[in-house]
């Protein structure tokens, strides 16, 4: 089941890599010889790029206000959430999502994703996956460890763990936050997951983004509120 989740999450990354690669190709075609002053400017910009990476992670992992419901709310039997053209809500998951301006909900004929939303230029997306909890996992930490092993075995996309220890309130519950960078053909993207055991299910909220869509990633996460 973890492998299936990995495949679904990889699809979210693949969508962005397609557009990132196109952008990189266009940039190479229009690139001219740099002057000495431009080279100095590029060198000075290295630290800024590093700071932006930290901003990407913090934007996706920005803690939301915790409520007493996050601790006391009882978990009922799973009922699929309601998906519309403007958002999503699930009493079971304790989440309500309103699609921000400039984004679109992806309406599906199957149940691949519980929810999927992307911005109009397809440089960021967010979604929810609900799966049966595999046997043998007693804690989210165990699940996260196994999941990290699964993605590290990918021969096409290189993943690097940025953080996997944070716990953040998301809607009515506390979720375990895990963030990665994903590199493919020289292009780098980011993906953050928010995981929680829900009875015999595991719920995963994921957001995928690039350096150019830092603000959008923050808007997508902030679009969640308690049900």
N, C-alpha and C. Protein backbone atom coordinates (compact mmCIF):
# COMPACT_ATOMS: atom_id res chain seq x y z
N UNK A 1 0.83 -1.20 0.00
CA UNK A 1 0.00 0.00 0.00
C UNK A 1 0.86 1.25 0.00
N UNK A 2 2.01 1.20 0.68
CA UNK A 2 2.90 2.36 0.67
C UNK A 2 3.40 2.61 -0.74
N UNK A 3 3.70 1.54 -1.47
CA UNK A 3 4.18 1.69 -2.85
C UNK A 3 3.12 2.35 -3.71
N UNK A 4 1.85 2.00 -3.50
CA UNK A 4 0.77 2.62 -4.25
C UNK A 4 0.71 4.11 -3.94
N UNK A 5 0.83 4.46 -2.67
CA UNK A 5 0.82 5.87 -2.28
C UNK A 5 1.97 6.61 -2.95
N UNK A 6 3.14 5.97 -2.97
CA UNK A 6 4.31 6.59 -3.58
C UNK A 6 4.06 6.89 -5.05
N UNK A 7 3.41 5.96 -5.75
CA UNK A 7 3.11 6.16 -7.17
C UNK A 7 2.17 7.35 -7.35
N UNK A 8 1.15 7.45 -6.50
CA UNK A 8 0.20 8.54 -6.60
C UNK A 8 0.86 9.88 -6.32
N UNK A 9 1.74 9.92 -5.31
CA UNK A 9 2.44 11.15 -4.98
C UNK A 9 3.41 11.53 -6.09
N UNK A 10 4.01 10.53 -6.73
CA UNK A 10 4.94 10.78 -7.83
C UNK A 10 4.21 11.42 -9.01
N UNK A 11 2.94 11.07 -9.19
CA UNK A 11 2.17 11.68 -10.27
C UNK A 11 2.04 13.18 -10.07
N UNK A 12 1.85 13.57 -8.80
CA UNK A 12 1.77 15.00 -8.49
C UNK A 12 3.06 15.71 -8.83
N UNK A 13 4.20 15.06 -8.58
CA UNK A 13 5.50 15.63 -8.90
C UNK A 13 5.71 15.64 -10.41
N UNK A 14 5.31 14.57 -11.09
CA UNK A 14 5.52 14.48 -12.54
C UNK A 14 4.82 15.61 -13.28
N UNK A 15 3.64 15.98 -12.82
CA UNK A 15 2.90 17.07 -13.46
C UNK A 15 3.71 18.36 -13.44
N UNK A 16 4.36 18.65 -12.30
CA UNK A 16 5.14 19.87 -12.18
C UNK A 16 6.45 19.77 -12.92
N UNK A 17 7.07 18.59 -12.93
CA UNK A 17 8.34 18.43 -13.64
C UNK A 17 8.16 18.71 -15.13
N UNK A 18 7.00 18.36 -15.68
CA UNK A 18 6.74 18.61 -17.10
C UNK A 18 6.86 20.08 -17.43
N UNK A 19 6.25 20.91 -16.58
CA UNK A 19 6.27 22.35 -16.84
C UNK A 19 7.59 22.98 -16.44
N UNK A 20 8.24 22.43 -15.39
CA UNK A 20 9.54 22.95 -14.99
C UNK A 20 10.57 22.70 -16.07
N UNK A 21 10.53 21.50 -16.67
CA UNK A 21 11.47 21.15 -17.73
C UNK A 21 11.28 22.06 -18.94
N UNK A 22 10.03 22.36 -19.27
CA UNK A 22 9.76 23.26 -20.40
C UNK A 22 10.32 24.64 -20.13
N UNK A 23 10.18 25.08 -18.89
CA UNK A 23 10.69 26.39 -18.52
C UNK A 23 12.20 26.44 -18.60
N UNK A 24 12.86 25.37 -18.14
CA UNK A 24 14.33 25.32 -18.18
C UNK A 24 14.83 25.30 -19.63
N UNK A 25 14.11 24.58 -20.50
CA UNK A 25 14.51 24.49 -21.90
C UNK A 25 14.43 25.86 -22.57
N UNK A 26 13.35 26.58 -22.28
CA UNK A 26 13.18 27.90 -22.87
C UNK A 26 14.26 28.85 -22.40
N UNK A 27 14.63 28.72 -21.12
CA UNK A 27 15.65 29.58 -20.56
C UNK A 27 16.99 29.35 -21.24
N UNK A 28 17.31 28.07 -21.53
CA UNK A 28 18.58 27.75 -22.18
C UNK A 28 18.65 28.33 -23.59
N UNK A 29 17.52 28.32 -24.30
CA UNK A 29 17.49 28.79 -25.67
C UNK A 29 17.73 30.30 -25.76
N UNK A 30 17.30 31.04 -24.71
CA UNK A 30 17.39 32.49 -24.75
C UNK A 30 18.58 33.02 -23.97
N UNK A 31 19.38 32.12 -23.38
CA UNK A 31 20.50 32.54 -22.56
C UNK A 31 21.62 33.13 -23.43
N UNK A 32 22.21 34.25 -23.00
CA UNK A 32 23.33 34.88 -23.68
C UNK A 32 24.53 34.85 -22.79
N UNK A 33 25.71 35.21 -23.35
CA UNK A 33 26.93 35.23 -22.56
C UNK A 33 26.80 36.25 -21.44
N UNK A 34 27.20 35.87 -20.22
CA UNK A 34 27.09 36.76 -19.08
C UNK A 34 28.30 37.68 -19.01
N UNK A 35 28.08 38.92 -18.60
CA UNK A 35 29.18 39.85 -18.37
C UNK A 35 29.77 39.57 -17.01
N UNK A 36 30.94 40.20 -16.71
CA UNK A 36 31.58 39.98 -15.42
C UNK A 36 30.67 40.40 -14.29
N UNK A 37 29.96 41.49 -14.47
CA UNK A 37 29.07 41.97 -13.41
C UNK A 37 27.92 41.01 -13.19
N UNK A 38 27.41 40.39 -14.27
CA UNK A 38 26.32 39.42 -14.13
C UNK A 38 26.79 38.19 -13.38
N UNK A 39 28.04 37.77 -13.62
CA UNK A 39 28.57 36.60 -12.94
C UNK A 39 28.70 36.87 -11.45
N UNK A 40 29.12 38.09 -11.08
CA UNK A 40 29.21 38.46 -9.67
C UNK A 40 27.83 38.43 -9.03
N UNK A 41 26.84 38.95 -9.78
CA UNK A 41 25.47 38.97 -9.28
C UNK A 41 24.95 37.57 -9.04
N UNK A 42 25.26 36.64 -9.97
CA UNK A 42 24.83 35.25 -9.81
C UNK A 42 25.43 34.64 -8.57
N UNK A 43 26.71 34.94 -8.31
CA UNK A 43 27.38 34.40 -7.14
C UNK A 43 26.74 34.90 -5.86
N UNK A 44 26.37 36.18 -5.85
CA UNK A 44 25.74 36.74 -4.66
C UNK A 44 24.35 36.17 -4.46
N UNK A 45 23.75 35.70 -5.55
CA UNK A 45 22.39 35.19 -5.45
C UNK A 45 22.31 33.80 -4.88
N UNK A 46 23.42 33.11 -4.70
CA UNK A 46 23.42 31.74 -4.19
C UNK A 46 22.81 31.66 -2.80
N UNK A 47 23.21 32.57 -1.91
CA UNK A 47 22.68 32.56 -0.55
C UNK A 47 21.19 32.83 -0.56
N UNK A 48 20.75 33.71 -1.45
CA UNK A 48 19.32 34.02 -1.54
C UNK A 48 18.53 32.80 -1.93
N UNK A 49 19.04 32.03 -2.89
CA UNK A 49 18.35 30.80 -3.32
C UNK A 49 18.23 29.82 -2.18
N UNK A 50 19.29 29.72 -1.36
CA UNK A 50 19.27 28.81 -0.22
C UNK A 50 18.20 29.24 0.78
N UNK A 51 18.11 30.57 1.01
CA UNK A 51 17.10 31.08 1.93
C UNK A 51 15.70 30.79 1.41
N UNK A 52 15.52 30.88 0.07
CA UNK A 52 14.21 30.63 -0.50
C UNK A 52 13.78 29.19 -0.27
N UNK A 53 14.73 28.23 -0.31
CA UNK A 53 14.39 26.84 -0.07
C UNK A 53 13.82 26.67 1.33
N UNK A 54 14.43 27.37 2.31
CA UNK A 54 13.92 27.29 3.67
C UNK A 54 12.54 27.90 3.75
N UNK A 55 12.32 29.00 2.96
CA UNK A 55 11.01 29.63 2.96
C UNK A 55 9.95 28.71 2.38
N UNK A 56 10.34 27.92 1.36
CA UNK A 56 9.41 26.97 0.75
C UNK A 56 8.92 25.98 1.79
N UNK A 57 9.86 25.42 2.55
CA UNK A 57 9.51 24.43 3.56
C UNK A 57 8.65 25.04 4.65
N UNK A 58 9.03 26.21 5.13
CA UNK A 58 8.28 26.84 6.21
C UNK A 58 6.89 27.24 5.76
N UNK A 59 6.75 27.61 4.46
CA UNK A 59 5.44 27.98 3.94
C UNK A 59 4.50 26.80 3.94
N UNK A 60 5.00 25.64 3.55
CA UNK A 60 4.17 24.44 3.49
C UNK A 60 3.90 23.88 4.88
N UNK A 61 4.82 24.11 5.83
CA UNK A 61 4.67 23.55 7.16
C UNK A 61 4.20 24.57 8.19
N UNK A 62 3.74 25.73 7.71
CA UNK A 62 3.33 26.78 8.64
C UNK A 62 2.25 26.26 9.59
N UNK A 63 2.50 26.26 10.92
CA UNK A 63 1.51 25.75 11.86
C UNK A 63 0.23 26.56 11.83
N UNK A 64 -0.89 25.89 11.95
CA UNK A 64 -2.17 26.57 12.05
C UNK A 64 -2.61 26.58 13.49
N UNK A 65 -3.56 27.41 13.79
CA UNK A 65 -4.01 27.54 15.17
C UNK A 65 -4.62 26.22 15.65
N UNK A 66 -4.12 25.71 16.74
CA UNK A 66 -4.60 24.44 17.27
C UNK A 66 -5.86 24.67 18.08
N UNK A 67 -6.83 23.79 17.93
CA UNK A 67 -8.06 23.86 18.69
C UNK A 67 -8.18 22.64 19.58
N UNK A 68 -9.08 22.70 20.56
CA UNK A 68 -9.26 21.56 21.46
C UNK A 68 -9.75 20.34 20.69
N UNK A 69 -10.45 20.58 19.56
CA UNK A 69 -10.94 19.47 18.75
C UNK A 69 -9.80 18.58 18.27
N UNK A 70 -8.62 19.18 18.06
CA UNK A 70 -7.48 18.42 17.55
C UNK A 70 -7.10 17.31 18.51
N UNK A 71 -7.48 17.44 19.78
CA UNK A 71 -7.13 16.45 20.79
C UNK A 71 -8.32 15.58 21.16
N UNK A 72 -9.52 16.17 21.20
CA UNK A 72 -10.67 15.46 21.74
C UNK A 72 -11.60 14.86 20.69
N UNK A 73 -11.49 15.27 19.44
CA UNK A 73 -12.41 14.79 18.42
C UNK A 73 -12.26 13.28 18.21
N UNK A 74 -13.38 12.55 18.27
CA UNK A 74 -13.35 11.11 18.09
C UNK A 74 -13.36 10.76 16.61
N UNK A 75 -12.70 9.65 16.27
CA UNK A 75 -12.62 9.21 14.88
C UNK A 75 -13.76 8.24 14.60
N UNK A 76 -14.60 8.59 13.63
CA UNK A 76 -15.72 7.74 13.25
C UNK A 76 -15.33 6.88 12.06
N UNK A 77 -16.26 6.04 11.62
CA UNK A 77 -16.01 5.20 10.45
C UNK A 77 -15.84 6.07 9.21
N UNK A 78 -14.93 5.67 8.34
CA UNK A 78 -14.61 6.47 7.16
C UNK A 78 -15.80 6.68 6.23
N UNK A 79 -15.99 7.94 5.88
CA UNK A 79 -16.99 8.33 4.88
C UNK A 79 -16.28 9.28 3.91
N UNK A 80 -16.31 9.00 2.61
CA UNK A 80 -15.64 9.89 1.65
C UNK A 80 -16.13 11.33 1.77
N UNK A 81 -15.22 12.27 1.55
CA UNK A 81 -15.59 13.67 1.61
C UNK A 81 -16.40 14.09 0.39
N UNK A 82 -16.89 15.33 0.44
CA UNK A 82 -17.67 15.87 -0.66
C UNK A 82 -16.80 16.80 -1.50
N UNK A 83 -16.70 16.50 -2.79
CA UNK A 83 -15.87 17.27 -3.72
C UNK A 83 -16.76 18.07 -4.65
N UNK A 84 -16.48 19.38 -4.77
CA UNK A 84 -17.22 20.25 -5.67
C UNK A 84 -16.23 21.00 -6.55
N UNK A 85 -16.76 21.83 -7.44
CA UNK A 85 -15.89 22.60 -8.33
C UNK A 85 -15.20 23.75 -7.60
N UNK A 86 -15.62 24.03 -6.38
CA UNK A 86 -15.02 25.14 -5.62
C UNK A 86 -14.31 24.69 -4.36
N UNK A 87 -14.38 23.41 -4.03
CA UNK A 87 -13.70 22.98 -2.81
C UNK A 87 -14.00 21.56 -2.41
N UNK A 88 -13.74 21.27 -1.14
CA UNK A 88 -13.85 19.91 -0.61
C UNK A 88 -14.12 20.02 0.88
N UNK A 89 -14.89 19.08 1.41
CA UNK A 89 -15.07 19.03 2.86
C UNK A 89 -15.30 17.60 3.31
N UNK A 90 -14.79 17.31 4.52
CA UNK A 90 -14.92 15.97 5.08
C UNK A 90 -15.08 16.08 6.58
N UNK A 91 -16.25 15.67 7.05
CA UNK A 91 -16.47 15.67 8.50
C UNK A 91 -15.57 14.63 9.15
N UNK A 92 -15.40 13.47 8.48
CA UNK A 92 -14.56 12.39 9.01
C UNK A 92 -13.12 12.86 9.20
N UNK A 93 -12.58 13.58 8.21
CA UNK A 93 -11.20 14.04 8.27
C UNK A 93 -11.06 15.36 9.02
N UNK A 94 -12.19 16.01 9.29
CA UNK A 94 -12.16 17.27 10.03
C UNK A 94 -11.60 18.42 9.23
N UNK A 95 -11.75 18.36 7.90
CA UNK A 95 -11.17 19.39 7.03
C UNK A 95 -12.20 19.97 6.08
N UNK A 96 -12.05 21.25 5.84
CA UNK A 96 -12.81 21.94 4.79
C UNK A 96 -11.83 22.75 3.96
N UNK A 97 -11.90 22.62 2.64
CA UNK A 97 -10.96 23.29 1.74
C UNK A 97 -11.73 24.13 0.73
N UNK A 98 -11.35 25.40 0.61
CA UNK A 98 -11.93 26.29 -0.39
C UNK A 98 -10.83 26.65 -1.38
N UNK A 99 -11.01 26.31 -2.65
CA UNK A 99 -9.98 26.55 -3.65
C UNK A 99 -9.67 28.04 -3.76
N UNK A 100 -8.40 28.44 -3.58
CA UNK A 100 -8.03 29.85 -3.69
C UNK A 100 -8.22 30.36 -5.12
N UNK A 101 -8.28 31.66 -5.26
CA UNK A 101 -8.38 32.25 -6.59
C UNK A 101 -7.16 31.87 -7.43
N UNK A 102 -7.39 31.54 -8.68
CA UNK A 102 -6.29 31.14 -9.54
C UNK A 102 -5.96 29.66 -9.49
N UNK A 103 -6.81 28.88 -8.81
CA UNK A 103 -6.63 27.43 -8.74
C UNK A 103 -7.91 26.73 -9.18
N UNK A 104 -7.79 25.44 -9.49
CA UNK A 104 -8.95 24.68 -9.95
C UNK A 104 -8.99 23.32 -9.27
N UNK A 105 -10.19 22.90 -8.89
CA UNK A 105 -10.40 21.56 -8.37
C UNK A 105 -10.44 20.60 -9.56
N UNK A 106 -9.78 19.46 -9.41
CA UNK A 106 -9.79 18.44 -10.47
C UNK A 106 -10.86 17.42 -10.13
N UNK A 107 -11.90 17.39 -10.94
CA UNK A 107 -13.00 16.46 -10.71
C UNK A 107 -12.65 15.12 -11.36
N UNK A 108 -12.71 14.03 -10.58
CA UNK A 108 -12.30 12.71 -11.05
C UNK A 108 -13.48 11.77 -11.17
N UNK A 109 -13.37 10.85 -12.12
CA UNK A 109 -14.40 9.83 -12.29
C UNK A 109 -14.12 8.62 -11.40
N UNK A 110 -12.87 8.54 -10.89
CA UNK A 110 -12.53 7.41 -10.02
C UNK A 110 -12.14 7.95 -8.66
N UNK A 111 -11.63 7.08 -7.80
CA UNK A 111 -11.28 7.48 -6.44
C UNK A 111 -9.77 7.46 -6.22
N UNK A 112 -9.01 7.81 -7.28
CA UNK A 112 -7.55 7.81 -7.16
C UNK A 112 -7.11 8.72 -6.02
N UNK A 113 -7.64 9.93 -6.02
CA UNK A 113 -7.36 10.88 -4.95
C UNK A 113 -8.67 11.24 -4.26
N UNK A 114 -8.61 11.45 -2.97
CA UNK A 114 -9.78 11.95 -2.25
C UNK A 114 -10.08 13.38 -2.71
N UNK A 115 -9.01 14.12 -2.97
CA UNK A 115 -9.13 15.50 -3.45
C UNK A 115 -7.87 15.88 -4.21
N UNK A 116 -8.00 16.72 -5.25
CA UNK A 116 -6.82 17.21 -5.96
C UNK A 116 -7.14 18.60 -6.51
N UNK A 117 -6.21 19.54 -6.26
CA UNK A 117 -6.38 20.92 -6.71
C UNK A 117 -5.03 21.43 -7.21
N UNK A 118 -5.03 22.21 -8.29
CA UNK A 118 -3.79 22.77 -8.79
C UNK A 118 -4.01 24.22 -9.24
N UNK A 119 -2.92 25.00 -9.24
CA UNK A 119 -3.06 26.37 -9.72
C UNK A 119 -3.13 26.36 -11.23
N UNK A 120 -3.60 27.47 -11.81
CA UNK A 120 -3.91 27.50 -13.23
C UNK A 120 -2.69 27.35 -14.12
N UNK A 121 -1.50 27.77 -13.66
CA UNK A 121 -0.31 27.57 -14.48
C UNK A 121 0.41 26.26 -14.16
N UNK A 122 -0.22 25.46 -13.31
CA UNK A 122 0.25 24.10 -13.00
C UNK A 122 1.68 24.07 -12.45
N UNK A 123 1.99 25.01 -11.56
CA UNK A 123 3.29 25.02 -10.89
C UNK A 123 3.18 24.61 -9.43
N UNK A 124 1.97 24.30 -8.98
CA UNK A 124 1.76 23.83 -7.61
C UNK A 124 0.46 23.04 -7.55
N UNK A 125 0.44 22.00 -6.72
CA UNK A 125 -0.79 21.25 -6.54
C UNK A 125 -0.89 20.74 -5.11
N UNK A 126 -2.10 20.40 -4.71
CA UNK A 126 -2.34 19.88 -3.37
C UNK A 126 -3.40 18.79 -3.49
N UNK A 127 -3.31 17.78 -2.64
CA UNK A 127 -4.27 16.70 -2.72
C UNK A 127 -4.35 15.91 -1.43
N UNK A 128 -5.28 14.99 -1.40
CA UNK A 128 -5.48 14.11 -0.25
C UNK A 128 -5.60 12.67 -0.75
N UNK A 129 -4.91 11.77 -0.07
CA UNK A 129 -5.01 10.33 -0.35
C UNK A 129 -5.47 9.63 0.92
N UNK A 130 -6.47 8.79 0.81
CA UNK A 130 -6.95 7.97 1.93
C UNK A 130 -6.73 6.52 1.58
N UNK A 131 -6.02 5.79 2.45
CA UNK A 131 -5.74 4.38 2.18
C UNK A 131 -5.98 3.54 3.43
N UNK A 132 -6.17 2.24 3.21
CA UNK A 132 -6.22 1.31 4.34
C UNK A 132 -4.85 1.29 5.00
N UNK A 133 -4.84 1.26 6.32
CA UNK A 133 -3.59 1.23 7.06
C UNK A 133 -2.96 -0.16 6.93
N UNK A 134 -1.74 -0.25 6.40
CA UNK A 134 -1.09 -1.56 6.25
C UNK A 134 -0.87 -2.22 7.61
N UNK A 135 -0.91 -3.52 7.63
CA UNK A 135 -0.69 -4.27 8.87
C UNK A 135 0.74 -4.08 9.35
N UNK A 136 0.91 -4.06 10.64
CA UNK A 136 2.25 -4.02 11.22
C UNK A 136 2.72 -2.65 11.65
N UNK A 137 1.99 -1.61 11.30
CA UNK A 137 2.39 -0.26 11.68
C UNK A 137 1.62 0.18 12.92
N UNK A 138 2.37 0.48 13.98
CA UNK A 138 1.76 0.90 15.23
C UNK A 138 1.77 2.41 15.41
N UNK A 139 2.72 3.08 14.75
CA UNK A 139 2.85 4.53 14.90
C UNK A 139 3.08 5.18 13.54
N UNK A 140 2.79 6.48 13.47
CA UNK A 140 3.04 7.23 12.24
C UNK A 140 4.54 7.26 11.96
N UNK A 141 5.36 7.32 13.02
CA UNK A 141 6.82 7.35 12.85
C UNK A 141 7.30 6.12 12.10
N UNK A 142 6.77 4.94 12.43
CA UNK A 142 7.14 3.71 11.72
C UNK A 142 6.75 3.80 10.25
N UNK A 143 5.58 4.32 10.00
CA UNK A 143 5.09 4.45 8.64
C UNK A 143 5.98 5.41 7.84
N UNK A 144 6.33 6.54 8.47
CA UNK A 144 7.18 7.53 7.81
C UNK A 144 8.55 6.92 7.45
N UNK A 145 9.12 6.15 8.38
CA UNK A 145 10.42 5.51 8.13
C UNK A 145 10.35 4.60 6.91
N UNK A 146 9.29 3.81 6.82
CA UNK A 146 9.15 2.88 5.69
C UNK A 146 8.90 3.65 4.39
N UNK A 147 8.12 4.71 4.48
CA UNK A 147 7.82 5.51 3.30
C UNK A 147 9.10 6.16 2.75
N UNK A 148 9.96 6.64 3.65
CA UNK A 148 11.22 7.25 3.22
C UNK A 148 12.12 6.22 2.52
N UNK A 149 12.07 4.97 2.99
CA UNK A 149 12.85 3.92 2.34
C UNK A 149 12.32 3.65 0.94
N UNK A 150 10.99 3.70 0.79
CA UNK A 150 10.38 3.44 -0.52
C UNK A 150 10.80 4.49 -1.54
N UNK A 151 10.73 5.76 -1.17
CA UNK A 151 11.04 6.79 -2.16
C UNK A 151 12.54 6.90 -2.43
N UNK A 152 13.36 6.53 -1.44
CA UNK A 152 14.81 6.60 -1.65
C UNK A 152 15.29 5.57 -2.67
N UNK A 153 14.45 4.58 -2.97
CA UNK A 153 14.83 3.54 -3.92
C UNK A 153 14.52 3.93 -5.36
N UNK A 154 13.91 5.09 -5.56
CA UNK A 154 13.58 5.56 -6.91
C UNK A 154 14.86 5.82 -7.70
N UNK A 155 14.96 5.22 -8.89
CA UNK A 155 16.16 5.38 -9.70
C UNK A 155 16.09 6.57 -10.65
N UNK A 156 14.90 7.13 -10.82
CA UNK A 156 14.71 8.24 -11.75
C UNK A 156 14.69 9.60 -11.05
N UNK A 157 14.02 9.66 -9.91
CA UNK A 157 13.91 10.91 -9.16
C UNK A 157 14.72 10.80 -7.88
N UNK A 158 15.57 11.78 -7.63
CA UNK A 158 16.40 11.79 -6.43
C UNK A 158 15.70 12.59 -5.33
N UNK A 159 15.42 11.93 -4.21
CA UNK A 159 14.73 12.57 -3.09
C UNK A 159 15.71 12.86 -1.95
N UNK A 160 15.47 13.96 -1.27
CA UNK A 160 16.25 14.32 -0.09
C UNK A 160 15.30 14.79 1.00
N UNK A 161 15.42 14.18 2.19
CA UNK A 161 14.55 14.56 3.30
C UNK A 161 14.99 15.91 3.86
N UNK A 162 14.04 16.84 3.96
CA UNK A 162 14.31 18.14 4.56
C UNK A 162 13.91 18.17 6.03
N UNK A 163 12.78 17.58 6.34
CA UNK A 163 12.32 17.50 7.72
C UNK A 163 11.27 16.40 7.83
N UNK A 164 11.26 15.71 8.98
CA UNK A 164 10.26 14.66 9.18
C UNK A 164 9.87 14.49 10.64
N UNK A 165 10.08 15.52 11.45
CA UNK A 165 9.83 15.42 12.88
C UNK A 165 8.69 16.31 13.36
N UNK A 166 8.25 17.24 12.50
CA UNK A 166 7.27 18.23 12.94
C UNK A 166 5.86 17.64 13.05
N UNK A 167 5.11 18.14 14.00
CA UNK A 167 3.69 17.84 14.12
C UNK A 167 2.93 19.15 14.07
N UNK A 168 1.98 19.25 13.14
CA UNK A 168 1.27 20.51 12.96
C UNK A 168 -0.24 20.28 12.96
N UNK A 169 -1.00 21.22 13.52
CA UNK A 169 -2.46 21.12 13.45
C UNK A 169 -2.95 21.47 12.06
N UNK A 170 -3.80 20.63 11.52
CA UNK A 170 -4.39 20.86 10.21
C UNK A 170 -5.87 20.57 10.34
N UNK A 171 -6.68 21.61 10.30
CA UNK A 171 -8.10 21.41 10.54
C UNK A 171 -8.37 20.98 11.97
N UNK A 172 -9.04 19.84 12.15
CA UNK A 172 -9.44 19.37 13.48
C UNK A 172 -8.45 18.41 14.12
N UNK A 173 -7.35 18.07 13.44
CA UNK A 173 -6.44 17.07 13.96
C UNK A 173 -4.98 17.52 13.87
N UNK A 174 -4.11 16.77 14.56
CA UNK A 174 -2.67 16.99 14.47
C UNK A 174 -2.10 16.00 13.45
N UNK A 175 -1.29 16.48 12.53
CA UNK A 175 -0.69 15.65 11.48
C UNK A 175 0.83 15.64 11.62
N UNK A 176 1.45 14.54 11.22
CA UNK A 176 2.91 14.45 11.15
C UNK A 176 3.35 15.04 9.81
N UNK A 177 4.28 15.98 9.83
CA UNK A 177 4.73 16.66 8.62
C UNK A 177 6.07 16.10 8.15
N UNK A 178 6.16 15.81 6.84
CA UNK A 178 7.39 15.31 6.23
C UNK A 178 7.62 16.10 4.93
N UNK A 179 8.84 16.62 4.74
CA UNK A 179 9.14 17.41 3.55
C UNK A 179 10.36 16.87 2.81
N UNK A 180 10.29 16.88 1.47
CA UNK A 180 11.36 16.39 0.62
C UNK A 180 11.66 17.38 -0.49
N UNK A 181 12.88 17.29 -1.03
CA UNK A 181 13.16 17.86 -2.34
C UNK A 181 13.20 16.69 -3.31
N UNK A 182 12.77 16.94 -4.53
CA UNK A 182 12.80 15.92 -5.59
C UNK A 182 13.52 16.51 -6.79
N UNK A 183 14.59 15.85 -7.23
CA UNK A 183 15.39 16.36 -8.35
C UNK A 183 15.35 15.38 -9.52
N UNK A 184 15.08 15.92 -10.70
CA UNK A 184 15.00 15.10 -11.91
C UNK A 184 15.53 15.92 -13.09
N UNK A 185 16.54 15.39 -13.78
CA UNK A 185 17.13 16.07 -14.93
C UNK A 185 17.53 17.51 -14.61
N UNK A 186 18.06 17.73 -13.41
CA UNK A 186 18.54 19.04 -13.03
C UNK A 186 17.49 19.98 -12.48
N UNK A 187 16.22 19.60 -12.56
CA UNK A 187 15.14 20.43 -12.03
C UNK A 187 14.81 19.98 -10.62
N UNK A 188 14.55 20.93 -9.73
CA UNK A 188 14.28 20.62 -8.33
C UNK A 188 12.89 21.10 -7.93
N UNK A 189 12.14 20.21 -7.31
CA UNK A 189 10.82 20.53 -6.80
C UNK A 189 10.75 20.12 -5.33
N UNK A 190 9.68 20.51 -4.70
CA UNK A 190 9.49 20.21 -3.28
C UNK A 190 8.14 19.54 -3.08
N UNK A 191 8.07 18.66 -2.10
CA UNK A 191 6.80 18.04 -1.75
C UNK A 191 6.75 17.85 -0.24
N UNK A 192 5.66 18.30 0.35
CA UNK A 192 5.45 18.14 1.79
C UNK A 192 4.21 17.29 2.01
N UNK A 193 4.31 16.37 2.98
CA UNK A 193 3.21 15.48 3.31
C UNK A 193 2.78 15.72 4.75
N UNK A 194 1.48 15.59 4.99
CA UNK A 194 0.93 15.68 6.33
C UNK A 194 0.14 14.39 6.55
N UNK A 195 0.62 13.54 7.46
CA UNK A 195 0.07 12.20 7.63
C UNK A 195 -0.57 12.02 8.99
N UNK A 196 -1.65 11.21 9.01
CA UNK A 196 -2.30 10.89 10.27
C UNK A 196 -3.01 9.55 10.17
N UNK A 197 -2.86 8.71 11.19
CA UNK A 197 -3.64 7.48 11.30
C UNK A 197 -5.07 7.88 11.71
N UNK A 198 -6.05 7.36 10.98
CA UNK A 198 -7.45 7.63 11.28
C UNK A 198 -8.18 6.29 11.39
N UNK A 199 -8.15 5.70 12.59
CA UNK A 199 -8.75 4.38 12.76
C UNK A 199 -7.97 3.37 11.95
N UNK A 200 -8.65 2.67 11.01
CA UNK A 200 -7.97 1.69 10.17
C UNK A 200 -7.53 2.28 8.84
N UNK A 201 -7.48 3.61 8.74
CA UNK A 201 -7.05 4.31 7.54
C UNK A 201 -5.84 5.19 7.84
N UNK A 202 -5.12 5.56 6.79
CA UNK A 202 -4.10 6.60 6.92
C UNK A 202 -4.43 7.70 5.93
N UNK A 203 -4.49 8.92 6.42
CA UNK A 203 -4.80 10.08 5.59
C UNK A 203 -3.51 10.84 5.31
N UNK A 204 -3.31 11.20 4.05
CA UNK A 204 -2.13 11.97 3.65
C UNK A 204 -2.56 13.19 2.86
N UNK A 205 -2.22 14.35 3.37
CA UNK A 205 -2.38 15.59 2.61
C UNK A 205 -1.01 15.92 2.03
N UNK A 206 -0.94 16.18 0.74
CA UNK A 206 0.36 16.49 0.12
C UNK A 206 0.27 17.79 -0.67
N UNK A 207 1.37 18.52 -0.71
CA UNK A 207 1.46 19.74 -1.53
C UNK A 207 2.78 19.69 -2.28
N UNK A 208 2.72 19.96 -3.58
CA UNK A 208 3.89 19.93 -4.46
C UNK A 208 4.10 21.32 -5.04
N UNK A 209 5.36 21.78 -5.10
CA UNK A 209 5.60 23.15 -5.52
C UNK A 209 7.05 23.33 -5.95
N UNK A 210 7.35 24.50 -6.50
CA UNK A 210 8.69 24.84 -6.94
C UNK A 210 9.10 26.16 -6.28
N UNK A 211 10.32 26.59 -6.53
CA UNK A 211 10.76 27.88 -5.99
C UNK A 211 9.85 29.01 -6.47
N UNK A 212 9.34 28.87 -7.69
CA UNK A 212 8.52 29.93 -8.26
C UNK A 212 7.10 29.96 -7.69
N UNK A 213 6.72 28.89 -6.98
CA UNK A 213 5.35 28.84 -6.47
C UNK A 213 5.31 28.73 -4.95
N UNK A 214 6.27 29.36 -4.28
CA UNK A 214 6.31 29.36 -2.82
C UNK A 214 5.02 29.92 -2.23
N UNK A 215 4.64 31.11 -2.72
CA UNK A 215 3.46 31.77 -2.18
C UNK A 215 2.20 30.95 -2.42
N UNK A 216 2.12 30.33 -3.60
CA UNK A 216 0.95 29.51 -3.92
C UNK A 216 0.85 28.31 -2.99
N UNK A 217 1.99 27.69 -2.66
CA UNK A 217 1.99 26.55 -1.74
C UNK A 217 1.42 26.96 -0.39
N UNK A 218 1.84 28.14 0.09
CA UNK A 218 1.32 28.63 1.36
C UNK A 218 -0.17 28.90 1.29
N UNK A 219 -0.64 29.44 0.17
CA UNK A 219 -2.07 29.71 0.01
C UNK A 219 -2.89 28.42 -0.02
N UNK A 220 -2.34 27.40 -0.67
CA UNK A 220 -3.06 26.12 -0.76
C UNK A 220 -3.21 25.47 0.62
N UNK A 221 -2.12 25.48 1.41
CA UNK A 221 -2.21 24.91 2.75
C UNK A 221 -3.14 25.73 3.64
N UNK A 222 -3.05 27.05 3.51
CA UNK A 222 -3.88 27.94 4.34
C UNK A 222 -5.35 27.87 3.97
N UNK A 223 -5.66 27.27 2.80
CA UNK A 223 -7.05 27.17 2.36
C UNK A 223 -7.82 26.11 3.15
N UNK A 224 -7.11 25.30 3.96
CA UNK A 224 -7.76 24.33 4.83
C UNK A 224 -8.23 25.00 6.12
N UNK A 225 -9.37 24.58 6.60
CA UNK A 225 -9.87 25.00 7.91
C UNK A 225 -10.59 23.83 8.55
N UNK A 226 -10.83 23.94 9.83
CA UNK A 226 -11.53 22.86 10.53
C UNK A 226 -12.97 22.73 10.03
N UNK A 227 -13.43 21.49 9.92
CA UNK A 227 -14.79 21.24 9.45
C UNK A 227 -15.78 21.75 10.49
